[in-house]
Amino acid sequence: MRWIFPLLVGSGLWGFSIWSAYPRELWDIPAFWVSWGISILLTGGLAAIFPGQNRINTTLVFLPLPIILAVTTFATGGGFGLLPLSVLLVIVLSLPAWGLAAIVDRFLTR
């Protein structure tokens, strides 16, 4: 049950961002960056609620992003040539969330 919440909230955040961006590029709209900030704060909050689960919670919040990117690319007839770059970008974008979750987890488990 505790893994469903981060996955659903992450799916909702990124799904809303993709929906708001259509037909523009996802990175070009403010809703994406707002969702990114909320997801970072969400992972910090999840680290406080579920100590010791910070890596899996961060992964579950950010995992829907490349999946939604791939689905929307396929649905709009685009190619998958940039998909590896998108996955790399998602990993880079999730680093601050991993860091915040690790810091919160570290302080709360002491």
PDB file of N, CA and C in Angstrom:
ATOM      1  N   MET A   1       0.808  -1.194   0.000  1.00  0.00           N
ATOM      2  CA  MET A   1       0.000   0.000   0.000  1.00  0.00           C
ATOM      3  C   MET A   1       0.854   1.263   0.000  1.00  0.00           C
ATOM      4  N   ARG A   2       1.980   1.264   0.716  1.00  0.00           N
ATOM      5  CA  ARG A   2       2.797   2.469   0.766  1.00  0.00           C
ATOM      6  C   ARG A   2       3.526   2.734  -0.539  1.00  0.00           C
ATOM      7  N   TRP A   3       3.595   1.764  -1.433  1.00  0.00           N
ATOM      8  CA  TRP A   3       4.219   1.984  -2.735  1.00  0.00           C
ATOM      9  C   TRP A   3       3.215   2.509  -3.758  1.00  0.00           C
ATOM     10  N   ILE A   4       1.935   2.305  -3.511  1.00  0.00           N
ATOM     11  CA  ILE A   4       0.912   2.744  -4.457  1.00  0.00           C
ATOM     12  C   ILE A   4       0.773   4.271  -4.435  1.00  0.00           C
ATOM     13  N   PHE A   5       0.821   4.869  -3.251  1.00  0.00           N
ATOM     14  CA  PHE A   5       0.645   6.317  -3.139  1.00  0.00           C
ATOM     15  C   PHE A   5       1.698   7.094  -3.929  1.00  0.00           C
ATOM     16  N   PRO A   6       3.009   6.831  -3.758  1.00  0.00           N
ATOM     17  CA  PRO A   6       3.986   7.601  -4.543  1.00  0.00           C
ATOM     18  C   PRO A   6       3.825   7.387  -6.042  1.00  0.00           C
ATOM     19  N   LEU A   7       3.478   6.175  -6.446  1.00  0.00           N
ATOM     20  CA  LEU A   7       3.305   5.898  -7.869  1.00  0.00           C
ATOM     21  C   LEU A   7       2.095   6.636  -8.437  1.00  0.00           C
ATOM     22  N   LEU A   8       1.004   6.663  -7.696  1.00  0.00           N
ATOM     23  CA  LEU A   8      -0.191   7.363  -8.166  1.00  0.00           C
ATOM     24  C   LEU A   8       0.009   8.875  -8.196  1.00  0.00           C
ATOM     25  N   VAL A   9       0.632   9.421  -7.175  1.00  0.00           N
ATOM     26  CA  VAL A   9       0.859  10.862  -7.137  1.00  0.00           C
ATOM     27  C   VAL A   9       1.847  11.263  -8.245  1.00  0.00           C
ATOM     28  N   GLY A  10       2.894  10.485  -8.426  1.00  0.00           N
ATOM     29  CA  GLY A  10       3.834  10.762  -9.513  1.00  0.00           C
ATOM     30  C   GLY A  10       3.158  10.678 -10.874  1.00  0.00           C
ATOM     31  N   SER A  11       2.310   9.679 -11.067  1.00  0.00           N
ATOM     32  CA  SER A  11       1.579   9.554 -12.330  1.00  0.00           C
ATOM     33  C   SER A  11       0.657  10.749 -12.544  1.00  0.00           C
ATOM     34  N   GLY A  12      -0.005  11.181 -11.484  1.00  0.00           N
ATOM     35  CA  GLY A  12      -0.885  12.339 -11.594  1.00  0.00           C
ATOM     36  C   GLY A  12      -0.133  13.618 -11.919  1.00  0.00           C
ATOM     37  N   LEU A  13       0.987  13.837 -11.236  1.00  0.00           N
ATOM     38  CA  LEU A  13       1.779  15.041 -11.492  1.00  0.00           C
ATOM     39  C   LEU A  13       2.291  15.096 -12.925  1.00  0.00           C
ATOM     40  N   TRP A  14       2.924  14.003 -13.341  1.00  0.00           N
ATOM     41  CA  TRP A  14       3.514  13.994 -14.681  1.00  0.00           C
ATOM     42  C   TRP A  14       2.446  13.927 -15.757  1.00  0.00           C
ATOM     43  N   GLY A  15       1.346  13.239 -15.476  1.00  0.00           N
ATOM     44  CA  GLY A  15       0.242  13.201 -16.436  1.00  0.00           C
ATOM     45  C   GLY A  15      -0.362  14.578 -16.641  1.00  0.00           C
ATOM     46  N   PHE A  16      -0.532  15.329 -15.554  1.00  0.00           N
ATOM     47  CA  PHE A  16      -1.034  16.691 -15.665  1.00  0.00           C
ATOM     48  C   PHE A  16      -0.070  17.557 -16.462  1.00  0.00           C
ATOM     49  N   SER A  17       1.222  17.389 -16.239  1.00  0.00           N
ATOM     50  CA  SER A  17       2.218  18.178 -16.974  1.00  0.00           C
ATOM     51  C   SER A  17       2.160  17.893 -18.463  1.00  0.00           C
ATOM     52  N   ILE A  18       2.071  16.616 -18.806  1.00  0.00           N
ATOM     53  CA  ILE A  18       1.996  16.237 -20.227  1.00  0.00           C
ATOM     54  C   ILE A  18       0.709  16.787 -20.832  1.00  0.00           C
ATOM     55  N   TRP A  19      -0.381  16.667 -20.116  1.00  0.00           N
ATOM     56  CA  TRP A  19      -1.664  17.158 -20.612  1.00  0.00           C
ATOM     57  C   TRP A  19      -1.608  18.669 -20.825  1.00  0.00           C
ATOM     58  N   SER A  20      -0.971  19.389 -19.902  1.00  0.00           N
ATOM     59  CA  SER A  20      -0.854  20.839 -20.024  1.00  0.00           C
ATOM     60  C   SER A  20       0.054  21.250 -21.168  1.00  0.00           C
ATOM     61  N   ALA A  21       1.025  20.437 -21.469  1.00  0.00           N
ATOM     62  CA  ALA A  21       2.018  20.790 -22.482  1.00  0.00           C
ATOM     63  C   ALA A  21       1.539  20.567 -23.909  1.00  0.00           C
ATOM     64  N   TYR A  22       0.564  19.719 -24.097  1.00  0.00           N
ATOM     65  CA  TYR A  22       0.168  19.354 -25.448  1.00  0.00           C
ATOM     66  C   TYR A  22      -0.245  20.580 -26.244  1.00  0.00           C
ATOM     67  N   PRO A  23       0.231  20.788 -27.420  1.00  0.00           N
ATOM     68  CA  PRO A  23       1.136  20.016 -28.270  1.00  0.00           C
ATOM     69  C   PRO A  23       2.587  20.468 -28.164  1.00  0.00           C
ATOM     70  N   ARG A  24       2.912  21.287 -27.185  1.00  0.00           N
ATOM     71  CA  ARG A  24       4.285  21.782 -27.043  1.00  0.00           C
ATOM     72  C   ARG A  24       5.169  20.749 -26.364  1.00  0.00           C
ATOM     73  N   GLU A  25       6.433  21.063 -26.322  1.00  0.00           N
ATOM     74  CA  GLU A  25       7.405  20.214 -25.642  1.00  0.00           C
ATOM     75  C   GLU A  25       7.207  20.339 -24.139  1.00  0.00           C
ATOM     76  N   LEU A  26       7.349  19.230 -23.439  1.00  0.00           N
ATOM     77  CA  LEU A  26       7.069  19.190 -22.001  1.00  0.00           C
ATOM     78  C   LEU A  26       7.928  20.179 -21.218  1.00  0.00           C
ATOM     79  N   TRP A  27       9.184  20.293 -21.560  1.00  0.00           N
ATOM     80  CA  TRP A  27      10.120  21.103 -20.775  1.00  0.00           C
ATOM     81  C   TRP A  27       9.861  22.603 -20.946  1.00  0.00           C
ATOM     82  N   ASP A  28       9.034  22.970 -21.939  1.00  0.00           N
ATOM     83  CA  ASP A  28       8.823  24.379 -22.250  1.00  0.00           C
ATOM     84  C   ASP A  28       7.702  25.044 -21.453  1.00  0.00           C
ATOM     85  N   ILE A  29       7.003  24.318 -20.635  1.00  0.00           N
ATOM     86  CA  ILE A  29       5.856  24.908 -19.943  1.00  0.00           C
ATOM     87  C   ILE A  29       6.137  25.002 -18.435  1.00  0.00           C
ATOM     88  N   PRO A  30       5.569  26.006 -17.783  1.00  0.00           N
ATOM     89  CA  PRO A  30       5.784  26.152 -16.333  1.00  0.00           C
ATOM     90  C   PRO A  30       5.185  25.014 -15.506  1.00  0.00           C
ATOM     91  N   ALA A  31       4.138  24.367 -15.991  1.00  0.00           N
ATOM     92  CA  ALA A  31       3.508  23.283 -15.221  1.00  0.00           C
ATOM     93  C   ALA A  31       4.484  22.136 -14.980  1.00  0.00           C
ATOM     94  N   PHE A  32       5.388  21.899 -15.915  1.00  0.00           N
ATOM     95  CA  PHE A  32       6.379  20.836 -15.715  1.00  0.00           C
ATOM     96  C   PHE A  32       7.283  21.172 -14.537  1.00  0.00           C
ATOM     97  N   TRP A  33       7.756  22.408 -14.491  1.00  0.00           N
ATOM     98  CA  TRP A  33       8.693  22.785 -13.437  1.00  0.00           C
ATOM     99  C   TRP A  33       8.004  22.873 -12.082  1.00  0.00           C
ATOM    100  N   VAL A  34       6.731  23.228 -12.077  1.00  0.00           N
ATOM    101  CA  VAL A  34       5.967  23.195 -10.827  1.00  0.00           C
ATOM    102  C   VAL A  34       5.813  21.750 -10.362  1.00  0.00           C
ATOM    103  N   SER A  35       5.484  20.856 -11.287  1.00  0.00           N
ATOM    104  CA  SER A  35       5.367  19.426 -10.933  1.00  0.00           C
ATOM    105  C   SER A  35       6.696  18.875 -10.455  1.00  0.00           C
ATOM    106  N   TRP A  36       7.781  19.313 -11.050  1.00  0.00           N
ATOM    107  CA  TRP A  36       9.104  18.870 -10.638  1.00  0.00           C
ATOM    108  C   TRP A  36       9.394  19.304  -9.203  1.00  0.00           C
ATOM    109  N   GLY A  37       9.100  20.564  -8.876  1.00  0.00           N
ATOM    110  CA  GLY A  37       9.306  21.042  -7.508  1.00  0.00           C
ATOM    111  C   GLY A  37       8.426  20.322  -6.503  1.00  0.00           C
ATOM    112  N   ILE A  38       7.169  20.101  -6.878  1.00  0.00           N
ATOM    113  CA  ILE A  38       6.259  19.368  -5.983  1.00  0.00           C
ATOM    114  C   ILE A  38       6.761  17.947  -5.766  1.00  0.00           C
ATOM    115  N   SER A  39       7.276  17.324  -6.817  1.00  0.00           N
ATOM    116  CA  SER A  39       7.756  15.945  -6.670  1.00  0.00           C
ATOM    117  C   SER A  39       8.985  15.874  -5.769  1.00  0.00           C
ATOM    118  N   ILE A  40       9.822  16.887  -5.812  1.00  0.00           N
ATOM    119  CA  ILE A  40      10.983  16.915  -4.911  1.00  0.00           C
ATOM    120  C   ILE A  40      10.517  17.048  -3.459  1.00  0.00           C
ATOM    121  N   LEU A  41       9.591  17.965  -3.223  1.00  0.00           N
ATOM    122  CA  LEU A  41       9.057  18.122  -1.860  1.00  0.00           C
ATOM    123  C   LEU A  41       8.298  16.874  -1.409  1.00  0.00           C
ATOM    124  N   LEU A  42       7.607  16.239  -2.346  1.00  0.00           N
ATOM    125  CA  LEU A  42       6.875  15.011  -2.031  1.00  0.00           C
ATOM    126  C   LEU A  42       7.817  13.905  -1.580  1.00  0.00           C
ATOM    127  N   THR A  43       8.943  13.762  -2.251  1.00  0.00           N
ATOM    128  CA  THR A  43       9.884  12.713  -1.842  1.00  0.00           C
ATOM    129  C   THR A  43      10.472  12.994  -0.469  1.00  0.00           C
ATOM    130  N   GLY A  44      10.687  14.281  -0.151  1.00  0.00           N
ATOM    131  CA  GLY A  44      11.132  14.627   1.198  1.00  0.00           C
ATOM    132  C   GLY A  44      10.081  14.293   2.239  1.00  0.00           C
ATOM    133  N   GLY A  45       8.821  14.571   1.920  1.00  0.00           N
ATOM    134  CA  GLY A  45       7.737  14.228   2.840  1.00  0.00           C
ATOM    135  C   GLY A  45       7.572  12.733   3.004  1.00  0.00           C
ATOM    136  N   LEU A  46       7.719  11.998   1.910  1.00  0.00           N
ATOM    137  CA  LEU A  46       7.615  10.535   1.991  1.00  0.00           C
ATOM    138  C   LEU A  46       8.767   9.934   2.793  1.00  0.00           C
ATOM    139  N   ALA A  47       9.952  10.571   2.703  1.00  0.00           N
ATOM    140  CA  ALA A  47      11.081  10.090   3.504  1.00  0.00           C
ATOM    141  C   ALA A  47      10.812  10.304   4.983  1.00  0.00           C
ATOM    142  N   ALA A  48      10.073  11.361   5.319  1.00  0.00           N
ATOM    143  CA  ALA A  48       9.722  11.608   6.724  1.00  0.00           C
ATOM    144  C   ALA A  48       8.662  10.627   7.201  1.00  0.00           C
ATOM    145  N   ILE A  49       7.723  10.275   6.328  1.00  0.00           N
ATOM    146  CA  ILE A  49       6.647   9.364   6.715  1.00  0.00           C
ATOM    147  C   ILE A  49       7.104   7.916   6.737  1.00  0.00           C
ATOM    148  N   PHE A  50       7.888   7.523   5.729  1.00  0.00           N
ATOM    149  CA  PHE A  50       8.373   6.144   5.611  1.00  0.00           C
ATOM    150  C   PHE A  50       9.893   6.129   5.645  1.00  0.00           C
ATOM    151  N   PRO A  51      10.496   6.229   6.828  1.00  0.00           N
ATOM    152  CA  PRO A  51      11.961   6.235   6.895  1.00  0.00           C
ATOM    153  C   PRO A  51      12.542   4.919   6.376  1.00  0.00           C
ATOM    154  N   GLY A  52      13.665   5.038   5.691  1.00  0.00           N
ATOM    155  CA  GLY A  52      14.335   3.867   5.146  1.00  0.00           C
ATOM    156  C   GLY A  52      13.853   3.465   3.767  1.00  0.00           C
ATOM    157  N   GLN A  53      12.825   4.131   3.252  1.00  0.00           N
ATOM    158  CA  GLN A  53      12.279   3.808   1.929  1.00  0.00           C
ATOM    159  C   GLN A  53      12.504   4.949   0.938  1.00  0.00           C
ATOM    160  N   ASN A  54      13.489   5.813   1.189  1.00  0.00           N
ATOM    161  CA  ASN A  54      13.636   7.017   0.378  1.00  0.00           C
ATOM    162  C   ASN A  54      13.994   6.724  -1.078  1.00  0.00           C
ATOM    163  N   ARG A  55      14.811   5.715  -1.340  1.00  0.00           N
ATOM    164  CA  ARG A  55      15.192   5.426  -2.728  1.00  0.00           C
ATOM    165  C   ARG A  55      14.021   4.889  -3.533  1.00  0.00           C
ATOM    166  N   ILE A  56      13.282   3.971  -2.966  1.00  0.00           N
ATOM    167  CA  ILE A  56      12.162   3.389  -3.699  1.00  0.00           C
ATOM    168  C   ILE A  56      11.049   4.419  -3.885  1.00  0.00           C
ATOM    169  N   ASN A  57      10.804   5.260  -2.892  1.00  0.00           N
ATOM    170  CA  ASN A  57       9.769   6.284  -3.029  1.00  0.00           C
ATOM    171  C   ASN A  57      10.137   7.309  -4.099  1.00  0.00           C
ATOM    172  N   THR A  58      11.394   7.724  -4.134  1.00  0.00           N
ATOM    173  CA  THR A  58      11.830   8.663  -5.165  1.00  0.00           C
ATOM    174  C   THR A  58      11.717   8.036  -6.542  1.00  0.00           C
ATOM    175  N   THR A  59      12.105   6.788  -6.650  1.00  0.00           N
ATOM    176  CA  THR A  59      11.984   6.087  -7.932  1.00  0.00           C
ATOM    177  C   THR A  59      10.532   5.980  -8.356  1.00  0.00           C
ATOM    178  N   LEU A  60       9.650   5.675  -7.427  1.00  0.00           N
ATOM    179  CA  LEU A  60       8.237   5.531  -7.765  1.00  0.00           C
ATOM    180  C   LEU A  60       7.592   6.851  -8.159  1.00  0.00           C
ATOM    181  N   VAL A  61       8.055   7.955  -7.597  1.00  0.00           N
ATOM    182  CA  VAL A  61       7.502   9.254  -7.978  1.00  0.00           C
ATOM    183  C   VAL A  61       7.972   9.654  -9.377  1.00  0.00           C
ATOM    184  N   PHE A  62       9.230   9.357  -9.708  1.00  0.00           N
ATOM    185  CA  PHE A  62       9.776   9.772 -10.997  1.00  0.00           C
ATOM    186  C   PHE A  62       9.628   8.723 -12.095  1.00  0.00           C
ATOM    187  N   LEU A  63       9.316   7.489 -11.762  1.00  0.00           N
ATOM    188  CA  LEU A  63       9.186   6.425 -12.761  1.00  0.00           C
ATOM    189  C   LEU A  63       8.106   6.696 -13.803  1.00  0.00           C
ATOM    190  N   PRO A  64       6.960   7.265 -13.446  1.00  0.00           N
ATOM    191  CA  PRO A  64       5.945   7.505 -14.474  1.00  0.00           C
ATOM    192  C   PRO A  64       6.368   8.494 -15.569  1.00  0.00           C
ATOM    193  N   LEU A  65       7.319   9.360 -15.295  1.00  0.00           N
ATOM    194  CA  LEU A  65       7.697  10.377 -16.273  1.00  0.00           C
ATOM    195  C   LEU A  65       8.227   9.776 -17.574  1.00  0.00           C
ATOM    196  N   PRO A  66       9.240   8.898 -17.570  1.00  0.00           N
ATOM    197  CA  PRO A  66       9.674   8.342 -18.860  1.00  0.00           C
ATOM    198  C   PRO A  66       8.618   7.454 -19.508  1.00  0.00           C
ATOM    199  N   ILE A  67       7.798   6.809 -18.689  1.00  0.00           N
ATOM    200  CA  ILE A  67       6.739   5.969 -19.256  1.00  0.00           C
ATOM    201  C   ILE A  67       5.708   6.839 -19.972  1.00  0.00           C
ATOM    202  N   ILE A  68       5.293   7.935 -19.334  1.00  0.00           N
ATOM    203  CA  ILE A  68       4.332   8.839 -19.954  1.00  0.00           C
ATOM    204  C   ILE A  68       4.937   9.505 -21.185  1.00  0.00           C
ATOM    205  N   LEU A  69       6.209   9.856 -21.125  1.00  0.00           N
ATOM    206  CA  LEU A  69       6.877  10.424 -22.296  1.00  0.00           C
ATOM    207  C   LEU A  69       6.866   9.440 -23.463  1.00  0.00           C
ATOM    208  N   ALA A  70       7.163   8.179 -23.184  1.00  0.00           N
ATOM    209  CA  ALA A  70       7.176   7.164 -24.240  1.00  0.00           C
ATOM    210  C   ALA A  70       5.786   6.944 -24.821  1.00  0.00           C
ATOM    211  N   VAL A  71       4.779   6.899 -23.970  1.00  0.00           N
ATOM    212  CA  VAL A  71       3.409   6.676 -24.445  1.00  0.00           C
ATOM    213  C   VAL A  71       2.936   7.844 -25.295  1.00  0.00           C
ATOM    214  N   THR A  72       3.181   9.065 -24.846  1.00  0.00           N
ATOM    215  CA  THR A  72       2.736  10.220 -25.634  1.00  0.00           C
ATOM    216  C   THR A  72       3.519  10.347 -26.933  1.00  0.00           C
ATOM    217  N   THR A  73       4.782   9.983 -26.925  1.00  0.00           N
ATOM    218  CA  THR A  73       5.562   9.986 -28.162  1.00  0.00           C
ATOM    219  C   THR A  73       5.003   8.982 -29.145  1.00  0.00           C
ATOM    220  N   PHE A  74       4.680   7.807 -28.667  1.00  0.00           N
ATOM    221  CA  PHE A  74       4.100   6.774 -29.520  1.00  0.00           C
ATOM    222  C   PHE A  74       2.721   7.200 -30.032  1.00  0.00           C
ATOM    223  N   ALA A  75       1.922   7.812 -29.170  1.00  0.00           N
ATOM    224  CA  ALA A  75       0.565   8.209 -29.553  1.00  0.00           C
ATOM    225  C   ALA A  75       0.556   9.341 -30.578  1.00  0.00           C
ATOM    226  N   THR A  76       1.550  10.202 -30.554  1.00  0.00           N
ATOM    227  CA  THR A  76       1.590  11.319 -31.495  1.00  0.00           C
ATOM    228  C   THR A  76       2.370  10.998 -32.754  1.00  0.00           C
ATOM    229  N   GLY A  77       2.851   9.766 -32.875  1.00  0.00           N
ATOM    230  CA  GLY A  77       3.557   9.353 -34.088  1.00  0.00           C
ATOM    231  C   GLY A  77       5.020   9.719 -34.122  1.00  0.00           C
ATOM    232  N   GLY A  78       5.564  10.102 -33.006  1.00  0.00           N
ATOM    233  CA  GLY A  78       6.978  10.456 -32.941  1.00  0.00           C
ATOM    234  C   GLY A  78       7.857   9.220 -32.883  1.00  0.00           C
ATOM    235  N   GLY A  79       9.137   9.440 -33.043  1.00  0.00           N
ATOM    236  CA  GLY A  79      10.096   8.346 -32.973  1.00  0.00           C
ATOM    237  C   GLY A  79      10.680   8.208 -31.580  1.00  0.00           C
ATOM    238  N   PHE A  80      11.315   7.093 -31.360  1.00  0.00           N
ATOM    239  CA  PHE A  80      11.896   6.821 -30.046  1.00  0.00           C
ATOM    240  C   PHE A  80      13.402   7.055 -30.027  1.00  0.00           C
ATOM    241  N   GLY A  81      13.902   7.833 -30.964  1.00  0.00           N
ATOM    242  CA  GLY A  81      15.337   8.091 -31.032  1.00  0.00           C
ATOM    243  C   GLY A  81      15.872   8.859 -29.837  1.00  0.00           C
ATOM    244  N   LEU A  82      15.060   9.728 -29.266  1.00  0.00           N
ATOM    245  CA  LEU A  82      15.504  10.533 -28.121  1.00  0.00           C
ATOM    246  C   LEU A  82      15.097   9.942 -26.782  1.00  0.00           C
ATOM    247  N   LEU A  83      14.505   8.759 -26.791  1.00  0.00           N
ATOM    248  CA  LEU A  83      14.059   8.145 -25.537  1.00  0.00           C
ATOM    249  C   LEU A  83      15.217   7.888 -24.568  1.00  0.00           C
ATOM    250  N   PRO A  84      16.374   7.383 -25.025  1.00  0.00           N
ATOM    251  CA  PRO A  84      17.484   7.218 -24.064  1.00  0.00           C
ATOM    252  C   PRO A  84      17.920   8.543 -23.431  1.00  0.00           C
ATOM    253  N   LEU A  85      17.893   9.621 -24.210  1.00  0.00           N
ATOM    254  CA  LEU A  85      18.241  10.920 -23.658  1.00  0.00           C
ATOM    255  C   LEU A  85      17.190  11.373 -22.647  1.00  0.00           C
ATOM    256  N   SER A  86      15.933  11.077 -22.911  1.00  0.00           N
ATOM    257  CA  SER A  86      14.863  11.420 -21.969  1.00  0.00           C
ATOM    258  C   SER A  86      15.029  10.669 -20.656  1.00  0.00           C
ATOM    259  N   VAL A  87      15.384   9.398 -20.732  1.00  0.00           N
ATOM    260  CA  VAL A  87      15.594   8.608 -19.513  1.00  0.00           C
ATOM    261  C   VAL A  87      16.769   9.182 -18.722  1.00  0.00           C
ATOM    262  N   LEU A  88      17.833   9.551 -19.412  1.00  0.00           N
ATOM    263  CA  LEU A  88      18.983  10.159 -18.736  1.00  0.00           C
ATOM    264  C   LEU A  88      18.592  11.486 -18.088  1.00  0.00           C
ATOM    265  N   LEU A  89      17.781  12.271 -18.779  1.00  0.00           N
ATOM    266  CA  LEU A  89      17.334  13.540 -18.220  1.00  0.00           C
ATOM    267  C   LEU A  89      16.460  13.336 -16.990  1.00  0.00           C
ATOM    268  N   VAL A  90      15.612  12.322 -17.012  1.00  0.00           N
ATOM    269  CA  VAL A  90      14.774  12.029 -15.840  1.00  0.00           C
ATOM    270  C   VAL A  90      15.648  11.638 -14.652  1.00  0.00           C
ATOM    271  N   ILE A  91      16.694  10.884 -14.898  1.00  0.00           N
ATOM    272  CA  ILE A  91      17.610  10.510 -13.813  1.00  0.00           C
ATOM    273  C   ILE A  91      18.272  11.760 -13.229  1.00  0.00           C
ATOM    274  N   VAL A  92      18.715  12.663 -14.092  1.00  0.00           N
ATOM    275  CA  VAL A  92      19.347  13.900 -13.617  1.00  0.00           C
ATOM    276  C   VAL A  92      18.334  14.750 -12.845  1.00  0.00           C
ATOM    277  N   LEU A  93      17.102  14.831 -13.349  1.00  0.00           N
ATOM    278  CA  LEU A  93      16.080  15.626 -12.665  1.00  0.00           C
ATOM    279  C   LEU A  93      15.677  15.025 -11.317  1.00  0.00           C
ATOM    280  N   SER A  94      15.863  13.726 -11.146  1.00  0.00           N
ATOM    281  CA  SER A  94      15.483  13.099  -9.883  1.00  0.00           C
ATOM    282  C   SER A  94      16.590  13.184  -8.826  1.00  0.00           C
ATOM    283  N   LEU A  95      17.779  13.596  -9.202  1.00  0.00           N
ATOM    284  CA  LEU A  95      18.880  13.668  -8.233  1.00  0.00           C
ATOM    285  C   LEU A  95      18.594  14.605  -7.054  1.00  0.00           C
ATOM    286  N   PRO A  96      18.044  15.811  -7.263  1.00  0.00           N
ATOM    287  CA  PRO A  96      17.722  16.633  -6.090  1.00  0.00           C
ATOM    288  C   PRO A  96      16.697  15.974  -5.164  1.00  0.00           C
ATOM    289  N   ALA A  97      15.761  15.245  -5.733  1.00  0.00           N
ATOM    290  CA  ALA A  97      14.764  14.553  -4.904  1.00  0.00           C
ATOM    291  C   ALA A  97      15.425  13.450  -4.100  1.00  0.00           C
ATOM    292  N   TRP A  98      16.311  12.696  -4.729  1.00  0.00           N
ATOM    293  CA  TRP A  98      17.036  11.662  -3.991  1.00  0.00           C
ATOM    294  C   TRP A  98      17.864  12.283  -2.871  1.00  0.00           C
ATOM    295  N   GLY A  99      18.506  13.408  -3.167  1.00  0.00           N
ATOM    296  CA  GLY A  99      19.306  14.076  -2.149  1.00  0.00           C
ATOM    297  C   GLY A  99      18.477  14.558  -0.974  1.00  0.00           C
ATOM    298  N   LEU A 100      17.357  15.210  -1.262  1.00  0.00           N
ATOM    299  CA  LEU A 100      16.488  15.690  -0.183  1.00  0.00           C
ATOM    300  C   LEU A 100      15.944  14.533   0.636  1.00  0.00           C
ATOM    301  N   ALA A 101      15.517  13.476  -0.037  1.00  0.00           N
ATOM    302  CA  ALA A 101      14.983  12.315   0.690  1.00  0.00           C
ATOM    303  C   ALA A 101      16.063  11.668   1.556  1.00  0.00           C
ATOM    304  N   ALA A 102      17.277  11.623   1.056  1.00  0.00           N
ATOM    305  CA  ALA A 102      18.370  11.040   1.842  1.00  0.00           C
ATOM    306  C   ALA A 102      18.685  11.897   3.066  1.00  0.00           C
ATOM    307  N   ILE A 103      18.662  13.216   2.894  1.00  0.00           N
ATOM    308  CA  ILE A 103      18.934  14.108   4.022  1.00  0.00           C
ATOM    309  C   ILE A 103      17.840  13.986   5.081  1.00  0.00           C
ATOM    310  N   VAL A 104      16.582  14.002   4.642  1.00  0.00           N
ATOM    311  CA  VAL A 104      15.471  13.868   5.592  1.00  0.00           C
ATOM    312  C   VAL A 104      15.540  12.526   6.303  1.00  0.00           C
ATOM    313  N   ASP A 105      15.800  11.473   5.552  1.00  0.00           N
ATOM    314  CA  ASP A 105      15.894  10.139   6.148  1.00  0.00           C
ATOM    315  C   ASP A 105      17.044  10.061   7.144  1.00  0.00           C
ATOM    316  N   ARG A 106      18.163  10.672   6.806  1.00  0.00           N
ATOM    317  CA  ARG A 106      19.330  10.651   7.679  1.00  0.00           C
ATOM    318  C   ARG A 106      19.056  11.368   9.003  1.00  0.00           C
ATOM    319  N   PHE A 107      18.405  12.525   8.928  1.00  0.00           N
ATOM    320  CA  PHE A 107      18.122  13.277  10.149  1.00  0.00           C
ATOM    321  C   PHE A 107      17.063  12.622  11.009  1.00  0.00           C
ATOM    322  N   LEU A 108      16.109  11.965  10.388  1.00  0.00           N
ATOM    323  CA  LEU A 108      15.034  11.348  11.172  1.00  0.00           C
ATOM    324  C   LEU A 108      15.408  10.000  11.745  1.00  0.00           C
ATOM    325  N   THR A 109      16.384   9.324  11.199  1.00  0.00           N
ATOM    326  CA  THR A 109      16.775   8.018  11.717  1.00  0.00           C
ATOM    327  C   THR A 109      17.873   8.131  12.779  1.00  0.00           C
ATOM    328  N   ARG A 110      18.347   9.315  13.037  1.00  0.00           N
ATOM    329  CA  ARG A 110      19.383   9.476  14.078  1.00  0.00           C
ATOM    330  C   ARG A 110      18.774   9.493  15.444  1.00  0.00           C
TER     331      ARG A 110
END
